[in-house]
Amino acid sequence: MKNTVAMTVLIGLMTAFSQFSQAHPGHDHSHWSSDPIHIITLAIVGSVLTGAFVYNQFILKPKKQKQQEAHHDA
């Protein structure tokens, strides 16, 4: 339940603020630096998403499993 609410809020915020970043003066795709800037931005976003996935899979899930096993043993 918490994940659904958090994801809904995150998507709402991203949608609201993306309007400001997409339509600003000087956003020229024909400039030589446009491609590197977009590639770096996508790499950063991909790194953050990969980090979140790895953290969830290898740190949070094992902790939750150990907690559940401890509760079942008690």
PDB file of N, CA and C in Angstrom:
ATOM      1  N   MET A   1       0.821  -1.198   0.000  1.00  0.00           N
ATOM      2  CA  MET A   1       0.000   0.000   0.000  1.00  0.00           C
ATOM      3  C   MET A   1       0.863   1.258   0.000  1.00  0.00           C
ATOM      4  N   LYS A   2       1.912   1.246   0.841  1.00  0.00           N
ATOM      5  CA  LYS A   2       2.785   2.409   0.910  1.00  0.00           C
ATOM      6  C   LYS A   2       3.469   2.666  -0.423  1.00  0.00           C
ATOM      7  N   ASN A   3       3.889   1.581  -1.103  1.00  0.00           N
ATOM      8  CA  ASN A   3       4.554   1.743  -2.389  1.00  0.00           C
ATOM      9  C   ASN A   3       3.635   2.358  -3.428  1.00  0.00           C
ATOM     10  N   THR A   4       2.373   1.986  -3.415  1.00  0.00           N
ATOM     11  CA  THR A   4       1.418   2.518  -4.378  1.00  0.00           C
ATOM     12  C   THR A   4       1.216   4.008  -4.164  1.00  0.00           C
ATOM     13  N   VAL A   5       1.073   4.412  -2.931  1.00  0.00           N
ATOM     14  CA  VAL A   5       0.878   5.835  -2.622  1.00  0.00           C
ATOM     15  C   VAL A   5       2.130   6.619  -2.980  1.00  0.00           C
ATOM     16  N   ALA A   6       3.282   6.105  -2.605  1.00  0.00           N
ATOM     17  CA  ALA A   6       4.536   6.791  -2.907  1.00  0.00           C
ATOM     18  C   ALA A   6       4.739   6.914  -4.416  1.00  0.00           C
ATOM     19  N   MET A   7       4.437   5.856  -5.150  1.00  0.00           N
ATOM     20  CA  MET A   7       4.605   5.890  -6.600  1.00  0.00           C
ATOM     21  C   MET A   7       3.637   6.874  -7.237  1.00  0.00           C
ATOM     22  N   THR A   8       2.415   6.942  -6.743  1.00  0.00           N
ATOM     23  CA  THR A   8       1.438   7.883  -7.269  1.00  0.00           C
ATOM     24  C   THR A   8       1.886   9.318  -7.037  1.00  0.00           C
ATOM     25  N   VAL A   9       2.386   9.592  -5.846  1.00  0.00           N
ATOM     26  CA  VAL A   9       2.873  10.941  -5.535  1.00  0.00           C
ATOM     27  C   VAL A   9       4.075  11.274  -6.412  1.00  0.00           C
ATOM     28  N   LEU A  10       5.004  10.333  -6.562  1.00  0.00           N
ATOM     29  CA  LEU A  10       6.191  10.559  -7.376  1.00  0.00           C
ATOM     30  C   LEU A  10       5.822  10.839  -8.829  1.00  0.00           C
ATOM     31  N   ILE A  11       4.928  10.067  -9.389  1.00  0.00           N
ATOM     32  CA  ILE A  11       4.507  10.276 -10.774  1.00  0.00           C
ATOM     33  C   ILE A  11       3.812  11.623 -10.921  1.00  0.00           C
ATOM     34  N   GLY A  12       2.995  11.989  -9.949  1.00  0.00           N
ATOM     35  CA  GLY A  12       2.330  13.290  -9.992  1.00  0.00           C
ATOM     36  C   GLY A  12       3.326  14.431  -9.967  1.00  0.00           C
ATOM     37  N   LEU A  13       4.323  14.355  -9.102  1.00  0.00           N
ATOM     38  CA  LEU A  13       5.339  15.402  -9.027  1.00  0.00           C
ATOM     39  C   LEU A  13       6.161  15.476 -10.307  1.00  0.00           C
ATOM     40  N   MET A  14       6.528  14.319 -10.840  1.00  0.00           N
ATOM     41  CA  MET A  14       7.303  14.306 -12.079  1.00  0.00           C
ATOM     42  C   MET A  14       6.501  14.913 -13.228  1.00  0.00           C
ATOM     43  N   THR A  15       5.244  14.613 -13.282  1.00  0.00           N
ATOM     44  CA  THR A  15       4.393  15.167 -14.337  1.00  0.00           C
ATOM     45  C   THR A  15       4.265  16.670 -14.190  1.00  0.00           C
ATOM     46  N   ALA A  16       4.086  17.135 -12.964  1.00  0.00           N
ATOM     47  CA  ALA A  16       3.912  18.568 -12.728  1.00  0.00           C
ATOM     48  C   ALA A  16       5.170  19.348 -13.079  1.00  0.00           C
ATOM     49  N   PHE A  17       6.333  18.850 -12.671  1.00  0.00           N
ATOM     50  CA  PHE A  17       7.564  19.596 -12.874  1.00  0.00           C
ATOM     51  C   PHE A  17       8.199  19.377 -14.237  1.00  0.00           C
ATOM     52  N   SER A  18       7.804  18.342 -14.962  1.00  0.00           N
ATOM     53  CA  SER A  18       8.395  18.113 -16.272  1.00  0.00           C
ATOM     54  C   SER A  18       7.978  19.187 -17.270  1.00  0.00           C
ATOM     55  N   GLN A  19       6.847  19.814 -17.031  1.00  0.00           N
ATOM     56  CA  GLN A  19       6.407  20.881 -17.927  1.00  0.00           C
ATOM     57  C   GLN A  19       7.392  22.041 -17.924  1.00  0.00           C
ATOM     58  N   PHE A  20       7.972  22.320 -16.782  1.00  0.00           N
ATOM     59  CA  PHE A  20       8.923  23.423 -16.680  1.00  0.00           C
ATOM     60  C   PHE A  20      10.230  23.096 -17.390  1.00  0.00           C
ATOM     61  N   SER A  21      10.650  21.871 -17.336  1.00  0.00           N
ATOM     62  CA  SER A  21      11.939  21.515 -17.919  1.00  0.00           C
ATOM     63  C   SER A  21      11.860  21.290 -19.425  1.00  0.00           C
ATOM     64  N   GLN A  22      10.695  20.991 -19.943  1.00  0.00           N
ATOM     65  CA  GLN A  22      10.587  20.706 -21.371  1.00  0.00           C
ATOM     66  C   GLN A  22      10.475  21.974 -22.218  1.00  0.00           C
ATOM     67  N   ALA A  23       9.787  22.952 -21.730  1.00  0.00           N
ATOM     68  CA  ALA A  23       9.504  24.114 -22.560  1.00  0.00           C
ATOM     69  C   ALA A  23      10.172  25.353 -21.974  1.00  0.00           C
ATOM     70  N   HIS A  24      11.475  25.458 -22.171  1.00  0.00           N
ATOM     71  CA  HIS A  24      12.161  26.654 -21.713  1.00  0.00           C
ATOM     72  C   HIS A  24      12.960  27.227 -22.865  1.00  0.00           C
ATOM     73  N   PRO A  25      13.184  28.525 -22.862  1.00  0.00           N
ATOM     74  CA  PRO A  25      13.954  29.142 -23.937  1.00  0.00           C
ATOM     75  C   PRO A  25      15.384  28.594 -23.951  1.00  0.00           C
ATOM     76  N   GLY A  26      15.904  28.403 -25.115  1.00  0.00           N
ATOM     77  CA  GLY A  26      17.268  27.925 -25.238  1.00  0.00           C
ATOM     78  C   GLY A  26      17.391  26.415 -25.273  1.00  0.00           C
ATOM     79  N   HIS A  27      16.288  25.707 -25.272  1.00  0.00           N
ATOM     80  CA  HIS A  27      16.328  24.252 -25.360  1.00  0.00           C
ATOM     81  C   HIS A  27      16.455  23.890 -26.830  1.00  0.00           C
ATOM     82  N   ASP A  28      17.671  24.019 -27.339  1.00  0.00           N
ATOM     83  CA  ASP A  28      17.932  23.866 -28.765  1.00  0.00           C
ATOM     84  C   ASP A  28      18.536  22.489 -29.045  1.00  0.00           C
ATOM     85  N   HIS A  29      17.781  21.620 -29.706  1.00  0.00           N
ATOM     86  CA  HIS A  29      18.276  20.287 -30.013  1.00  0.00           C
ATOM     87  C   HIS A  29      19.288  20.280 -31.152  1.00  0.00           C
ATOM     88  N   SER A  30      19.464  21.382 -31.829  1.00  0.00           N
ATOM     89  CA  SER A  30      20.443  21.410 -32.913  1.00  0.00           C
ATOM     90  C   SER A  30      21.829  21.834 -32.426  1.00  0.00           C
ATOM     91  N   HIS A  31      21.944  22.260 -31.180  1.00  0.00           N
ATOM     92  CA  HIS A  31      23.244  22.641 -30.630  1.00  0.00           C
ATOM     93  C   HIS A  31      24.102  21.397 -30.430  1.00  0.00           C
ATOM     94  N   TRP A  32      25.426  21.538 -30.570  1.00  0.00           N
ATOM     95  CA  TRP A  32      26.331  20.392 -30.478  1.00  0.00           C
ATOM     96  C   TRP A  32      26.298  19.722 -29.108  1.00  0.00           C
ATOM     97  N   SER A  33      25.969  20.462 -28.054  1.00  0.00           N
ATOM     98  CA  SER A  33      25.999  19.886 -26.709  1.00  0.00           C
ATOM     99  C   SER A  33      24.684  19.200 -26.327  1.00  0.00           C
ATOM    100  N   SER A  34      23.701  19.271 -27.188  1.00  0.00           N
ATOM    101  CA  SER A  34      22.397  18.714 -26.862  1.00  0.00           C
ATOM    102  C   SER A  34      22.448  17.200 -26.644  1.00  0.00           C
ATOM    103  N   ASP A  35      23.077  16.473 -27.556  1.00  0.00           N
ATOM    104  CA  ASP A  35      23.131  15.011 -27.422  1.00  0.00           C
ATOM    105  C   ASP A  35      23.892  14.563 -26.166  1.00  0.00           C
ATOM    106  N   PRO A  36      25.091  15.104 -25.905  1.00  0.00           N
ATOM    107  CA  PRO A  36      25.773  14.686 -24.675  1.00  0.00           C
ATOM    108  C   PRO A  36      24.985  15.010 -23.407  1.00  0.00           C
ATOM    109  N   ILE A  37      24.333  16.141 -23.372  1.00  0.00           N
ATOM    110  CA  ILE A  37      23.543  16.511 -22.194  1.00  0.00           C
ATOM    111  C   ILE A  37      22.401  15.522 -21.991  1.00  0.00           C
ATOM    112  N   HIS A  38      21.706  15.152 -23.062  1.00  0.00           N
ATOM    113  CA  HIS A  38      20.606  14.205 -22.942  1.00  0.00           C
ATOM    114  C   HIS A  38      21.106  12.803 -22.567  1.00  0.00           C
ATOM    115  N   ILE A  39      22.236  12.401 -23.116  1.00  0.00           N
ATOM    116  CA  ILE A  39      22.795  11.088 -22.784  1.00  0.00           C
ATOM    117  C   ILE A  39      23.207  11.043 -21.315  1.00  0.00           C
ATOM    118  N   ILE A  40      23.858  12.102 -20.835  1.00  0.00           N
ATOM    119  CA  ILE A  40      24.268  12.148 -19.429  1.00  0.00           C
ATOM    120  C   ILE A  40      23.038  12.126 -18.517  1.00  0.00           C
ATOM    121  N   THR A  41      22.017  12.870 -18.890  1.00  0.00           N
ATOM    122  CA  THR A  41      20.795  12.887 -18.088  1.00  0.00           C
ATOM    123  C   THR A  41      20.168  11.494 -18.026  1.00  0.00           C
ATOM    124  N   LEU A  42      20.064  10.816 -19.156  1.00  0.00           N
ATOM    125  CA  LEU A  42      19.504   9.469 -19.174  1.00  0.00           C
ATOM    126  C   LEU A  42      20.375   8.490 -18.387  1.00  0.00           C
ATOM    127  N   ALA A  43      21.694   8.659 -18.462  1.00  0.00           N
ATOM    128  CA  ALA A  43      22.590   7.783 -17.704  1.00  0.00           C
ATOM    129  C   ALA A  43      22.391   7.980 -16.206  1.00  0.00           C
ATOM    130  N   ILE A  44      22.213   9.218 -15.778  1.00  0.00           N
ATOM    131  CA  ILE A  44      21.988   9.489 -14.353  1.00  0.00           C
ATOM    132  C   ILE A  44      20.672   8.884 -13.897  1.00  0.00           C
ATOM    133  N   VAL A  45      19.628   9.080 -14.670  1.00  0.00           N
ATOM    134  CA  VAL A  45      18.321   8.515 -14.315  1.00  0.00           C
ATOM    135  C   VAL A  45      18.406   6.993 -14.271  1.00  0.00           C
ATOM    136  N   GLY A  46      19.062   6.404 -15.261  1.00  0.00           N
ATOM    137  CA  GLY A  46      19.230   4.954 -15.279  1.00  0.00           C
ATOM    138  C   GLY A  46      20.032   4.451 -14.089  1.00  0.00           C
ATOM    139  N   SER A  47      21.064   5.196 -13.703  1.00  0.00           N
ATOM    140  CA  SER A  47      21.873   4.805 -12.546  1.00  0.00           C
ATOM    141  C   SER A  47      21.061   4.848 -11.264  1.00  0.00           C
ATOM    142  N   VAL A  48      20.257   5.876 -11.106  1.00  0.00           N
ATOM    143  CA  VAL A  48      19.427   5.993  -9.908  1.00  0.00           C
ATOM    144  C   VAL A  48      18.413   4.850  -9.858  1.00  0.00           C
ATOM    145  N   LEU A  49      17.768   4.558 -10.973  1.00  0.00           N
ATOM    146  CA  LEU A  49      16.794   3.461 -11.004  1.00  0.00           C
ATOM    147  C   LEU A  49      17.458   2.110 -10.750  1.00  0.00           C
ATOM    148  N   THR A  50      18.633   1.904 -11.327  1.00  0.00           N
ATOM    149  CA  THR A  50      19.365   0.662 -11.098  1.00  0.00           C
ATOM    150  C   THR A  50      19.775   0.543  -9.634  1.00  0.00           C
ATOM    151  N   GLY A  51      20.250   1.641  -9.059  1.00  0.00           N
ATOM    152  CA  GLY A  51      20.622   1.638  -7.645  1.00  0.00           C
ATOM    153  C   GLY A  51      19.440   1.320  -6.747  1.00  0.00           C
ATOM    154  N   ALA A  52      18.292   1.892  -7.055  1.00  0.00           N
ATOM    155  CA  ALA A  52      17.088   1.623  -6.259  1.00  0.00           C
ATOM    156  C   ALA A  52      16.685   0.153  -6.382  1.00  0.00           C
ATOM    157  N   PHE A  53      16.775  -0.398  -7.569  1.00  0.00           N
ATOM    158  CA  PHE A  53      16.425  -1.805  -7.778  1.00  0.00           C
ATOM    159  C   PHE A  53      17.381  -2.722  -7.012  1.00  0.00           C
ATOM    160  N   VAL A  54      18.672  -2.460  -7.127  1.00  0.00           N
ATOM    161  CA  VAL A  54      19.672  -3.282  -6.441  1.00  0.00           C
ATOM    162  C   VAL A  54      19.487  -3.179  -4.932  1.00  0.00           C
ATOM    163  N   TYR A  55      19.269  -1.980  -4.418  1.00  0.00           N
ATOM    164  CA  TYR A  55      19.041  -1.783  -2.987  1.00  0.00           C
ATOM    165  C   TYR A  55      17.825  -2.579  -2.525  1.00  0.00           C
ATOM    166  N   ASN A  56      16.768  -2.516  -3.307  1.00  0.00           N
ATOM    167  CA  ASN A  56      15.545  -3.241  -2.957  1.00  0.00           C
ATOM    168  C   ASN A  56      15.773  -4.753  -2.974  1.00  0.00           C
ATOM    169  N   GLN A  57      16.430  -5.245  -3.994  1.00  0.00           N
ATOM    170  CA  GLN A  57      16.605  -6.687  -4.154  1.00  0.00           C
ATOM    171  C   GLN A  57      17.592  -7.289  -3.160  1.00  0.00           C
ATOM    172  N   PHE A  58      18.675  -6.588  -2.886  1.00  0.00           N
ATOM    173  CA  PHE A  58      19.757  -7.188  -2.119  1.00  0.00           C
ATOM    174  C   PHE A  58      19.888  -6.688  -0.689  1.00  0.00           C
ATOM    175  N   ILE A  59      19.176  -5.635  -0.340  1.00  0.00           N
ATOM    176  CA  ILE A  59      19.259  -5.140   1.034  1.00  0.00           C
ATOM    177  C   ILE A  59      17.907  -5.192   1.730  1.00  0.00           C
ATOM    178  N   LEU A  60      16.882  -4.620   1.124  1.00  0.00           N
ATOM    179  CA  LEU A  60      15.581  -4.577   1.787  1.00  0.00           C
ATOM    180  C   LEU A  60      14.904  -5.944   1.859  1.00  0.00           C
ATOM    181  N   LYS A  61      14.877  -6.669   0.752  1.00  0.00           N
ATOM    182  CA  LYS A  61      14.189  -7.967   0.756  1.00  0.00           C
ATOM    183  C   LYS A  61      14.807  -8.955   1.748  1.00  0.00           C
ATOM    184  N   PRO A  62      16.150  -9.095   1.790  1.00  0.00           N
ATOM    185  CA  PRO A  62      16.710 -10.010   2.799  1.00  0.00           C
ATOM    186  C   PRO A  62      16.397  -9.585   4.237  1.00  0.00           C
ATOM    187  N   LYS A  63      16.392  -8.280   4.503  1.00  0.00           N
ATOM    188  CA  LYS A  63      16.044  -7.807   5.847  1.00  0.00           C
ATOM    189  C   LYS A  63      14.605  -8.180   6.194  1.00  0.00           C
ATOM    190  N   LYS A  64      13.708  -7.979   5.242  1.00  0.00           N
ATOM    191  CA  LYS A  64      12.295  -8.309   5.484  1.00  0.00           C
ATOM    192  C   LYS A  64      12.117  -9.809   5.698  1.00  0.00           C
ATOM    193  N   GLN A  65      12.831 -10.615   4.912  1.00  0.00           N
ATOM    194  CA  GLN A  65      12.727 -12.063   5.059  1.00  0.00           C
ATOM    195  C   GLN A  65      13.242 -12.515   6.425  1.00  0.00           C
ATOM    196  N   LYS A  66      14.344 -11.923   6.889  1.00  0.00           N
ATOM    197  CA  LYS A  66      14.874 -12.282   8.206  1.00  0.00           C
ATOM    198  C   LYS A  66      13.906 -11.883   9.315  1.00  0.00           C
ATOM    199  N   GLN A  67      13.281 -10.706   9.150  1.00  0.00           N
ATOM    200  CA  GLN A  67      12.309 -10.258  10.148  1.00  0.00           C
ATOM    201  C   GLN A  67      11.102 -11.186  10.187  1.00  0.00           C
ATOM    202  N   GLN A  68      10.628 -11.615   9.019  1.00  0.00           N
ATOM    203  CA  GLN A  68       9.490 -12.515   8.964  1.00  0.00           C
ATOM    204  C   GLN A  68       9.831 -13.867   9.568  1.00  0.00           C
ATOM    205  N   GLU A  69      11.036 -14.357   9.300  1.00  0.00           N
ATOM    206  CA  GLU A  69      11.457 -15.635   9.871  1.00  0.00           C
ATOM    207  C   GLU A  69      11.574 -15.536  11.394  1.00  0.00           C
ATOM    208  N   ALA A  70      12.047 -14.408  11.897  1.00  0.00           N
ATOM    209  CA  ALA A  70      12.175 -14.216  13.335  1.00  0.00           C
ATOM    210  C   ALA A  70      10.802 -14.186  13.999  1.00  0.00           C
ATOM    211  N   HIS A  71       9.818 -13.573  13.339  1.00  0.00           N
ATOM    212  CA  HIS A  71       8.462 -13.521  13.889  1.00  0.00           C
ATOM    213  C   HIS A  71       7.787 -14.890  13.867  1.00  0.00           C
ATOM    214  N   HIS A  72       8.101 -15.681  12.838  1.00  0.00           N
ATOM    215  CA  HIS A  72       7.493 -17.013  12.748  1.00  0.00           C
ATOM    216  C   HIS A  72       8.111 -17.970  13.775  1.00  0.00           C
ATOM    217  N   ASP A  73       9.373 -17.755  14.110  1.00  0.00           N
ATOM    218  CA  ASP A  73      10.053 -18.621  15.083  1.00  0.00           C
ATOM    219  C   ASP A  73       9.609 -18.328  16.510  1.00  0.00           C
ATOM    220  N   ALA A  74       9.149 -17.126  16.764  1.00  0.00           N
ATOM    221  CA  ALA A  74       8.808 -16.737  18.136  1.00  0.00           C
ATOM    222  C   ALA A  74       7.545 -17.367  18.644  1.00  0.00           C
TER     223      ALA A  74
END
